[in-house]
Protein backbone atom coordinates (compact mmCIF):
# COMPACT_ATOMS: atom_id res chain seq x y z
CA MET A 1 -80.00 -77.96 -142.21
CA THR A 2 -81.03 -81.26 -143.75
CA ASN A 3 -78.78 -83.25 -146.04
CA SER A 4 -81.14 -82.78 -149.00
CA ARG A 5 -81.12 -78.97 -148.79
CA LEU A 6 -77.35 -78.74 -148.46
CA LEU A 7 -76.92 -81.23 -151.31
CA ALA A 8 -79.14 -79.17 -153.62
CA ARG A 9 -77.23 -75.97 -152.83
CA SER A 10 -73.88 -77.66 -153.37
CA LEU A 11 -74.87 -79.04 -156.76
CA GLN A 12 -75.96 -75.57 -157.84
CA SER A 13 -72.86 -73.70 -156.70
CA VAL A 14 -69.82 -75.97 -156.17
CA TRP A 15 -67.71 -77.56 -158.90
CA HIS A 16 -66.22 -80.57 -157.14
CA PRO A 17 -62.67 -81.86 -157.84
CA CYS A 18 -61.94 -85.01 -159.87
CA THR A 19 -65.67 -85.32 -160.49
CA GLN A 20 -67.97 -85.68 -163.46
CA MET A 21 -70.72 -83.51 -162.04
CA LYS A 22 -73.45 -85.09 -164.17
CA GLN A 23 -72.99 -88.36 -162.25
CA HIS A 24 -74.34 -86.63 -159.16
CA GLU A 25 -77.76 -86.49 -160.76
CA THR A 26 -78.11 -90.14 -159.71
CA PHE A 27 -75.18 -90.64 -157.33
CA PRO A 28 -75.65 -88.19 -154.46
CA LEU A 29 -72.99 -86.22 -152.64
CA ILE A 30 -72.59 -86.86 -148.92
CA PRO A 31 -72.98 -83.58 -146.99
CA ILE A 32 -70.72 -83.76 -143.91
CA GLU A 33 -71.62 -81.69 -140.86
CA ARG A 34 -68.83 -82.53 -138.39
CA GLY A 35 -65.94 -84.84 -137.61
CA ALA A 36 -64.58 -86.52 -134.48
CA GLY A 37 -61.58 -88.84 -134.40
CA VAL A 38 -61.68 -91.16 -137.41
CA TRP A 39 -65.39 -90.49 -137.98
CA LEU A 40 -67.28 -88.10 -140.25
CA TYR A 41 -70.95 -87.33 -139.51
CA ASP A 42 -73.64 -86.09 -141.87
CA ALA A 43 -76.59 -83.90 -140.86
CA ASP A 44 -78.80 -86.96 -140.32
CA GLY A 45 -76.35 -88.49 -137.84
CA GLN A 46 -75.01 -91.19 -140.16
CA ARG A 47 -71.32 -91.71 -139.56
CA TYR A 48 -68.49 -92.85 -141.86
CA LEU A 49 -65.06 -94.07 -140.84
CA ASP A 50 -62.54 -91.98 -142.77
CA GLY A 51 -60.47 -94.82 -144.20
CA ILE A 52 -58.49 -92.55 -146.53
CA SER A 53 -57.81 -89.63 -144.16
CA SER A 54 -59.82 -87.30 -146.40
CA TRP A 55 -57.47 -87.62 -149.37
CA TRP A 56 -54.50 -88.56 -147.18
CA VAL A 57 -54.26 -85.30 -145.20
CA ASN A 58 -55.63 -86.12 -141.76
CA LEU A 59 -53.06 -87.67 -139.42
CA PHE A 60 -54.45 -87.45 -135.88
CA GLY A 61 -58.19 -87.47 -136.34
CA HIS A 62 -60.84 -84.85 -136.99
CA ASN A 63 -61.40 -82.24 -134.29
CA ASN A 64 -58.01 -82.86 -132.68
CA PRO A 65 -57.79 -80.58 -129.63
CA ARG A 66 -54.03 -79.88 -129.77
CA ILE A 67 -54.05 -78.75 -133.39
CA LYS A 68 -57.26 -76.75 -132.86
CA ASP A 69 -55.85 -74.99 -129.82
CA ALA A 70 -52.66 -74.05 -131.70
CA ILE A 71 -54.71 -72.46 -134.47
CA LYS A 72 -56.96 -70.64 -131.97
CA SER A 73 -53.97 -69.28 -130.07
CA GLN A 74 -52.31 -68.03 -133.25
CA LEU A 75 -55.59 -66.46 -134.39
CA ASP A 76 -55.43 -64.15 -131.37
CA GLN A 77 -51.94 -62.97 -132.43
CA LEU A 78 -51.66 -62.79 -136.22
CA GLU A 79 -53.78 -64.35 -138.95
CA HIS A 80 -51.54 -63.44 -141.91
CA VAL A 81 -48.83 -61.14 -143.15
CA MET A 82 -47.09 -61.34 -146.51
CA LEU A 83 -43.73 -63.09 -146.35
CA ALA A 84 -42.10 -60.69 -148.84
CA GLY A 85 -40.21 -58.25 -146.63
CA PHE A 86 -41.70 -59.62 -143.39
CA THR A 87 -41.38 -62.71 -141.23
CA HIS A 88 -42.98 -64.17 -138.11
CA GLU A 89 -42.29 -66.72 -135.39
CA PRO A 90 -44.42 -69.65 -136.66
CA VAL A 91 -42.77 -69.76 -140.10
CA VAL A 92 -39.28 -69.45 -138.62
CA ALA A 93 -39.93 -72.14 -136.02
CA LEU A 94 -41.45 -74.49 -138.59
CA SER A 95 -38.57 -73.96 -141.02
CA GLU A 96 -36.05 -74.68 -138.28
CA LYS A 97 -37.90 -77.84 -137.25
CA LEU A 98 -38.24 -79.15 -140.80
CA SER A 99 -34.55 -78.46 -141.41
CA GLU A 100 -33.66 -80.40 -138.28
CA LEU A 101 -35.82 -83.34 -139.37
CA THR A 102 -34.72 -83.49 -143.01
CA GLY A 103 -31.15 -82.16 -143.06
CA LEU A 104 -32.23 -79.68 -145.75
CA GLY A 105 -31.74 -76.14 -144.57
CA HIS A 106 -33.95 -73.80 -146.59
CA ALA A 107 -37.75 -73.89 -146.80
CA PHE A 108 -39.97 -72.24 -149.41
CA TYR A 109 -43.74 -72.30 -148.75
CA ALA A 110 -46.95 -72.54 -150.76
CA SER A 111 -50.43 -73.89 -150.13
CA ASP A 112 -50.77 -77.26 -151.90
CA GLY A 113 -48.85 -80.23 -153.24
CA ALA A 114 -48.98 -79.31 -156.93
CA SER A 115 -47.56 -75.89 -156.09
CA ALA A 116 -44.71 -77.59 -154.21
CA THR A 117 -43.92 -79.64 -157.31
CA GLU A 118 -43.95 -76.49 -159.45
CA ILE A 119 -41.57 -74.78 -157.03
CA ALA A 120 -39.10 -77.68 -157.02
CA LEU A 121 -39.09 -77.96 -160.82
CA LYS A 122 -38.62 -74.21 -161.31
CA MET A 123 -35.98 -74.01 -158.60
CA SER A 124 -33.97 -76.85 -160.15
CA PHE A 125 -34.17 -75.31 -163.64
CA HIS A 126 -33.22 -71.86 -162.32
CA TYR A 127 -30.32 -73.31 -160.31
CA TRP A 128 -28.72 -74.76 -163.42
CA ARG A 129 -29.26 -71.51 -165.29
CA ASN A 130 -27.59 -69.54 -162.50
CA GLN A 131 -24.73 -72.05 -162.59
CA GLY A 132 -24.09 -71.43 -166.27
CA GLN A 133 -25.76 -74.62 -167.54
CA PRO A 134 -28.89 -73.27 -169.29
CA ASN A 135 -29.28 -76.41 -171.42
CA LYS A 136 -30.41 -78.41 -168.38
CA THR A 137 -34.13 -77.78 -168.90
CA GLN A 138 -35.66 -81.27 -168.98
CA PHE A 139 -37.12 -83.50 -166.29
CA ILE A 140 -37.61 -87.22 -165.84
CA SER A 141 -40.02 -89.20 -163.66
CA LEU A 142 -41.28 -92.75 -163.29
CA LYS A 143 -43.87 -94.46 -165.42
CA ASN A 144 -47.30 -94.29 -163.80
CA SER A 145 -46.13 -91.40 -161.62
CA TYR A 146 -48.34 -88.64 -160.24
CA HIS A 147 -47.05 -85.28 -159.02
CA GLY A 148 -50.03 -82.92 -159.29
CA GLU A 149 -52.30 -81.32 -161.85
CA THR A 150 -50.96 -77.83 -162.50
CA LEU A 151 -49.17 -77.61 -165.86
CA GLY A 152 -45.61 -78.16 -164.64
CA ALA A 153 -46.63 -80.93 -162.25
CA LEU A 154 -48.79 -82.53 -164.92
CA SER A 155 -45.81 -82.55 -167.27
CA VAL A 156 -44.01 -85.04 -165.01
CA THR A 157 -47.17 -87.02 -164.25
CA ASP A 158 -47.85 -90.25 -166.16
CA VAL A 159 -51.49 -91.02 -165.37
CA ALA A 160 -53.46 -90.78 -168.60
CA ILE A 161 -56.79 -89.64 -167.19
CA PHE A 162 -55.12 -86.56 -165.72
CA LYS A 163 -52.61 -85.85 -168.47
CA ASP A 164 -54.01 -86.70 -171.91
CA THR A 165 -56.60 -83.92 -172.22
CA TYR A 166 -54.03 -81.23 -171.45
CA ALA A 167 -51.09 -82.79 -173.35
CA PRO A 168 -50.80 -79.93 -175.90
CA LEU A 169 -50.13 -77.49 -173.04
CA LEU A 170 -47.39 -79.50 -171.34
CA MET A 171 -43.62 -79.49 -171.56
CA GLN A 172 -42.11 -82.78 -172.64
CA SER A 173 -40.55 -85.13 -170.11
CA ALA A 174 -39.38 -88.73 -170.10
CA GLN A 175 -40.71 -91.54 -167.92
CA LEU A 176 -38.42 -94.33 -166.78
CA PRO A 177 -39.42 -97.87 -165.72
CA SER A 178 -41.12 -97.94 -162.33
CA PRO A 179 -39.58 -100.23 -159.69
CA ASP A 180 -43.14 -101.26 -158.70
CA PHE A 181 -42.62 -104.77 -157.32
CA ARG A 182 -45.83 -106.00 -159.00
CA LEU A 183 -43.93 -105.87 -162.29
CA THR A 184 -41.30 -108.43 -161.32
CA GLU A 185 -40.68 -111.46 -163.52
CA PRO A 186 -41.40 -114.94 -162.08
CA GLY A 187 -38.68 -115.76 -159.56
CA GLU A 188 -37.37 -112.17 -159.48
CA THR A 189 -37.21 -110.41 -156.11
CA ALA A 190 -38.40 -106.85 -155.51
CA GLU A 191 -34.80 -105.82 -154.87
CA THR A 192 -33.47 -107.40 -158.06
CA TYR A 193 -36.22 -105.77 -160.09
CA ALA A 194 -35.53 -102.39 -158.47
CA LEU A 195 -31.88 -102.70 -159.47
CA ARG A 196 -32.91 -103.60 -163.02
CA CYS A 197 -34.99 -100.42 -163.15
CA ALA A 198 -32.07 -98.46 -161.74
CA ALA A 199 -29.93 -99.82 -164.57
CA ALA A 200 -32.45 -98.36 -167.04
CA LEU A 201 -32.17 -95.03 -165.21
CA GLU A 202 -28.39 -95.20 -165.46
CA ASP A 203 -28.54 -95.89 -169.18
CA TYR A 204 -30.85 -92.92 -169.77
CA LEU A 205 -28.80 -90.53 -167.65
CA SER A 206 -25.56 -91.56 -169.31
CA ARG A 207 -26.99 -90.47 -172.67
CA HIS A 208 -29.08 -87.43 -171.75
CA HIS A 209 -27.73 -85.95 -168.50
CA ALA A 210 -26.41 -82.78 -170.19
CA ARG A 211 -30.04 -81.66 -170.73
CA ILE A 212 -31.66 -83.03 -167.58
CA ALA A 213 -32.27 -80.74 -164.61
CA ALA A 214 -33.91 -83.18 -162.20
CA PHE A 215 -35.41 -86.59 -161.57
CA ILE A 216 -38.64 -86.43 -159.52
CA ILE A 217 -39.87 -89.50 -157.65
CA GLU A 218 -42.40 -90.47 -154.98
CA PRO A 219 -40.16 -92.48 -152.64
CA ILE A 220 -41.25 -96.04 -151.74
CA VAL A 221 -44.94 -95.68 -152.74
CA GLN A 222 -46.40 -94.19 -155.94
CA CYS A 223 -49.75 -93.36 -154.37
CA ALA A 224 -52.09 -92.11 -157.10
CA GLY A 225 -50.41 -94.58 -159.46
CA GLY A 226 -52.22 -97.43 -157.72
CA MET A 227 -50.21 -97.60 -154.47
CA ALA A 228 -47.21 -99.03 -156.34
CA MET A 229 -44.55 -99.98 -153.79
CA HIS A 230 -40.84 -100.47 -154.41
CA HIS A 231 -37.67 -101.61 -152.68
CA PRO A 232 -35.59 -98.81 -151.09
CA VAL A 233 -32.46 -99.90 -152.97
CA TYR A 234 -33.86 -98.02 -155.97
CA LEU A 235 -33.63 -94.73 -154.07
CA GLN A 236 -30.05 -95.48 -153.04
CA ARG A 237 -29.00 -96.19 -156.63
CA ALA A 238 -30.94 -93.20 -157.95
CA ARG A 239 -29.08 -90.93 -155.55
CA GLU A 240 -25.72 -92.32 -156.66
CA LEU A 241 -26.62 -91.87 -160.32
CA CYS A 242 -27.97 -88.34 -159.90
CA THR A 243 -24.76 -87.34 -158.13
CA ARG A 244 -22.59 -88.92 -160.82
CA TYR A 245 -24.44 -87.25 -163.68
CA GLN A 246 -25.14 -83.88 -162.01
CA VAL A 247 -28.92 -84.21 -161.92
CA HIS A 248 -31.07 -83.08 -158.99
CA LEU A 249 -33.20 -85.64 -157.17
CA ILE A 250 -36.60 -84.29 -156.09
CA ALA A 251 -38.34 -86.41 -153.46
CA ASP A 252 -42.09 -85.89 -153.76
CA GLU A 253 -43.22 -86.76 -150.22
CA ILE A 254 -46.48 -84.84 -150.52
CA ALA A 255 -48.48 -88.02 -149.85
CA VAL A 256 -45.90 -90.38 -148.32
CA GLY A 257 -44.36 -88.00 -145.78
CA PHE A 258 -45.14 -87.64 -142.09
CA GLY A 259 -45.22 -91.28 -141.07
CA ARG A 260 -47.27 -92.92 -143.81
CA THR A 261 -44.57 -95.42 -144.81
CA GLY A 262 -43.43 -96.28 -141.27
CA THR A 263 -40.69 -93.66 -141.01
CA LEU A 264 -41.27 -89.93 -140.67
CA PHE A 265 -40.21 -89.46 -144.28
CA ALA A 266 -40.18 -92.21 -146.91
CA CYS A 267 -36.58 -91.37 -147.88
CA GLU A 268 -35.57 -92.66 -144.44
CA GLN A 269 -36.39 -96.16 -145.66
CA ALA A 270 -33.22 -95.85 -147.77
CA ALA A 271 -30.94 -93.58 -145.71
CA ALA A 272 -30.50 -92.02 -142.29
CA LYS A 273 -31.77 -88.61 -143.39
CA VAL A 274 -33.70 -87.12 -146.27
CA SER A 275 -30.64 -85.07 -147.24
CA ASP A 276 -28.73 -88.30 -147.91
CA ILE A 277 -31.16 -88.99 -150.76
CA ALA A 278 -32.80 -85.76 -151.93
CA ASP A 279 -31.70 -82.34 -153.19
CA PHE A 280 -35.30 -81.18 -152.77
CA ILE A 281 -38.21 -82.55 -150.75
CA CYS A 282 -41.82 -81.57 -151.48
CA LEU A 283 -44.17 -81.69 -148.48
CA SER A 284 -47.91 -81.06 -148.10
CA LYS A 285 -51.06 -83.03 -147.15
CA GLY A 286 -50.22 -84.27 -143.62
CA ILE A 287 -47.90 -81.34 -142.84
CA SER A 288 -50.70 -79.46 -141.06
CA GLY A 289 -52.45 -82.59 -139.79
CA GLY A 290 -55.18 -81.99 -142.38
CA TYR A 291 -56.33 -78.70 -140.88
CA LEU A 292 -55.15 -75.91 -143.19
CA PRO A 293 -53.66 -75.72 -146.70
CA LEU A 294 -49.86 -75.68 -146.58
CA SER A 295 -46.94 -77.01 -148.59
CA ALA A 296 -43.19 -76.61 -148.42
CA VAL A 297 -40.11 -77.33 -150.51
CA LEU A 298 -36.84 -77.78 -148.66
CA THR A 299 -33.47 -77.79 -150.37
CA THR A 300 -29.73 -77.72 -149.80
CA ASP A 301 -27.43 -74.84 -149.00
CA THR A 302 -25.73 -75.46 -152.36
CA VAL A 303 -28.97 -74.74 -154.19
CA TYR A 304 -29.77 -71.75 -151.98
CA GLN A 305 -26.36 -70.15 -152.52
CA ALA A 306 -26.79 -70.29 -156.30
CA PHE A 307 -29.61 -67.74 -155.94
CA TYR A 308 -27.86 -65.51 -153.37
CA ASP A 309 -26.75 -62.52 -155.45
CA GLU A 310 -27.01 -58.74 -155.80
CA ARG A 311 -29.08 -59.15 -158.96
CA THR A 312 -32.83 -59.69 -158.61
CA VAL A 313 -32.94 -61.74 -161.79
CA LYS A 314 -30.80 -64.39 -160.06
CA GLY A 315 -33.26 -64.65 -157.18
CA PHE A 316 -36.00 -67.28 -157.16
CA LEU A 317 -38.87 -65.59 -158.99
CA HIS A 318 -41.90 -67.26 -157.46
CA SER A 319 -44.51 -66.17 -154.92
CA HIS A 320 -47.85 -67.02 -153.32
CA SER A 321 -50.03 -64.51 -151.49
CA TYR A 322 -50.47 -66.88 -148.53
CA THR A 323 -46.88 -68.13 -148.40
CA GLY A 324 -45.97 -69.19 -144.87
CA ASN A 325 -49.40 -68.37 -143.43
CA PRO A 326 -49.05 -68.15 -139.60
CA LEU A 327 -52.22 -70.16 -138.90
CA ALA A 328 -51.14 -73.01 -141.17
CA CYS A 329 -47.60 -72.96 -139.77
CA SER A 330 -49.01 -73.15 -136.24
CA ALA A 331 -51.07 -76.18 -137.21
CA ALA A 332 -47.94 -77.79 -138.68
CA LEU A 333 -45.93 -77.09 -135.53
CA ALA A 334 -48.66 -78.67 -133.41
CA THR A 335 -48.69 -81.69 -135.73
CA LEU A 336 -44.93 -82.14 -135.41
CA GLY A 337 -45.29 -81.68 -131.66
CA ILE A 338 -47.66 -84.66 -131.51
CA PHE A 339 -45.08 -86.79 -133.33
CA ALA A 340 -42.42 -85.76 -130.83
CA ASP A 341 -44.49 -86.05 -127.66
CA ASP A 342 -46.60 -89.14 -128.33
CA ALA A 343 -44.10 -91.63 -129.83
CA VAL A 344 -46.33 -91.78 -132.91
CA LEU A 345 -43.99 -93.74 -135.17
CA GLU A 346 -43.46 -96.44 -132.54
CA LYS A 347 -47.20 -96.74 -131.92
CA ASN A 348 -47.83 -96.83 -135.66
CA ARG A 349 -45.50 -99.81 -136.02
CA ASP A 350 -47.64 -101.77 -133.57
CA LEU A 351 -50.82 -100.58 -135.27
CA ALA A 352 -49.46 -101.50 -138.72
CA ASP A 353 -48.64 -104.99 -137.46
CA TYR A 354 -52.19 -105.34 -136.16
CA ILE A 355 -53.63 -104.18 -139.50
CA LYS A 356 -51.45 -106.72 -141.30
CA THR A 357 -52.64 -109.56 -139.08
CA GLN A 358 -56.30 -108.61 -139.26
CA ALA A 359 -56.20 -108.08 -143.03
CA THR A 360 -55.53 -111.77 -143.71
CA PRO A 361 -59.20 -112.62 -144.50
CA LEU A 362 -59.10 -110.17 -147.41
CA ALA A 363 -56.99 -112.74 -149.25
CA GLU A 364 -60.14 -114.86 -149.60
CA LEU A 365 -61.45 -112.31 -152.12
CA PRO A 366 -60.42 -112.28 -155.82
CA ILE A 367 -57.47 -109.98 -155.20
CA GLN A 368 -53.74 -110.03 -155.79
CA HIS A 369 -50.76 -108.18 -154.38
CA LEU A 370 -52.17 -107.61 -150.89
CA ARG A 371 -49.42 -105.30 -149.73
CA GLN A 372 -48.54 -102.93 -146.92
CA GLN A 373 -46.03 -100.19 -146.28
CA GLY A 374 -46.39 -98.70 -142.82
CA MET A 375 -49.88 -97.28 -142.46
CA ILE A 376 -50.79 -97.90 -146.11
CA LEU A 377 -52.61 -101.13 -147.02
CA ALA A 378 -53.52 -101.89 -150.65
CA MET A 379 -54.77 -104.70 -152.87
CA ASP A 380 -55.70 -105.13 -156.54
CA VAL A 381 -59.09 -106.62 -157.38
CA VAL A 382 -58.87 -109.19 -160.18
CA ASP A 383 -61.25 -109.27 -163.17
CA ALA A 384 -63.61 -106.65 -161.75
CA LYS A 385 -66.29 -105.42 -164.14
CA PRO A 386 -66.18 -101.82 -165.43
CA GLY A 387 -67.31 -99.29 -162.86
CA PHE A 388 -65.88 -101.27 -159.95
CA ALA A 389 -64.33 -98.24 -158.22
CA GLN A 390 -67.62 -96.34 -157.99
CA ARG A 391 -69.56 -99.43 -156.92
CA CYS A 392 -66.99 -100.21 -154.23
CA TYR A 393 -67.13 -96.62 -152.99
CA ALA A 394 -70.93 -96.77 -152.82
CA GLU A 395 -71.02 -100.14 -151.05
CA ALA A 396 -68.44 -98.95 -148.53
CA LEU A 397 -70.60 -95.92 -147.70
CA LYS A 398 -73.49 -98.27 -147.00
CA GLN A 399 -71.20 -100.05 -144.55
CA GLY A 400 -70.27 -96.74 -142.90
CA LEU A 401 -66.78 -96.49 -144.45
CA LEU A 402 -65.18 -93.90 -146.72
CA LEU A 403 -63.08 -95.58 -149.42
CA ARG A 404 -61.92 -94.15 -152.73
CA PRO A 405 -60.48 -96.93 -154.94
CA ILE A 406 -58.00 -96.06 -157.68
CA GLY A 407 -59.32 -98.11 -160.56
CA ASN A 408 -59.25 -101.71 -159.33
CA THR A 409 -56.84 -100.87 -156.51
CA VAL A 410 -58.49 -100.66 -153.10
CA TYR A 411 -56.38 -99.03 -150.41
CA LEU A 412 -56.66 -97.94 -146.79
CA MET A 413 -54.78 -94.99 -145.33
CA PRO A 414 -56.55 -94.15 -142.05
CA PRO A 415 -55.69 -91.50 -139.45
CA TYR A 416 -53.11 -92.66 -136.92
CA SER A 417 -55.62 -92.17 -134.11
CA ILE A 418 -57.62 -95.20 -135.24
CA SER A 419 -58.23 -97.80 -132.51
CA ARG A 420 -57.96 -101.57 -132.90
CA GLU A 421 -61.71 -101.88 -132.74
CA GLU A 422 -62.02 -99.29 -135.50
CA VAL A 423 -59.41 -101.16 -137.54
CA ASP A 424 -61.56 -104.28 -137.28
CA PHE A 425 -64.61 -102.32 -138.42
CA MET A 426 -62.65 -100.79 -141.32
CA LEU A 427 -61.32 -104.12 -142.57
CA ASN A 428 -64.66 -105.90 -142.24
CA ALA A 429 -66.44 -103.10 -144.11
CA THR A 430 -63.76 -103.19 -146.81
CA HIS A 431 -64.25 -106.94 -147.22
CA GLN A 432 -68.00 -106.47 -147.58
CA ALA A 433 -67.68 -103.53 -149.98
CA ILE A 434 -65.36 -105.41 -152.34
CA ARG A 435 -67.48 -108.54 -152.26
CA LEU A 436 -70.68 -106.62 -153.06
CA ALA A 437 -69.03 -104.49 -155.78
CA LEU A 438 -67.69 -107.39 -157.84
């Protein structure tokens, strides 16, 4: 089928996410027919390097044979069974593996990142209620934070374009200063600024902790908030403060987990294991390598035991029809197997160093804060005219590159299977796209 026919059908029948559909009257969709490695191909044979891993989900390239084979093998055994009253090998094996990797021993599953946020918030609230502290009903997050777009997740999100329209529907929460290093004063280090932000957190908790259930944070990188990066000392201090004031710490690693920041989980930038920092960790996106919808929330035995009771009302009252889907769990197990077998994190460190070296020419452009954390590279374009993000996206497509700027922030988050030659192509195309979009 030709691109034009598929495009017409899509515009008639599909409501696309984060999209003003009217814009597609003049700004066409790109109908993708297949993928291979870091490349996406349309029906006319035009290819695009997937510089953002298809919204940060794809880790090891499109059409990866190991993940595909795991799904095919599971499909011959069991496609799905409800997890209420039943269990199966893939969900048990995945839960055991995630527990081993994080130090958090109990996994609850859903299908997407926003659902994981909802689960963690509800679980924290319900824990305190079960513990006889029903006044702990409030949540705090960072300024410019993003945790999803369902109502609970949106309540702890601080990105106006997502939140403002639905504000009357949302529960109230408080946002604390972000340790984003771009906000440092002249002469102030990223670490000193992070500690200053932690002091603001301490002040707030000292006054309000009796009503606060949890503090939710994207560790190290606030992704949808413009790839805001911070020093790991903030996580260390936040953990100390949450322990002191009896507040849960929820690590939202939906986007930053599974190697994006240079360690398997971003919390490991601040401690040996996730459990040294977080009471809950939210996982999604890369968990299945980008192949099937899946999310998980892992938590401590202390939290789990607070729900373990004869009375149903004390149990965690939450469910999803596709919870722990065997096909998705098999994809996740294959993804974790690639990490274990192929020394991915070590190879990524070399690849990240190469990206850093080759990105130097980007500094010639009118940008500031060219920054990198593991396999995430970002920069802020200075004094760009309105509409820059869409122009940059369009110019990148002409160069054969998929970018999706966040406002004036251009970032790259490619699959880990990218070669050095493909890195060079990606960076050169990014340079051209920014230059032509100014």
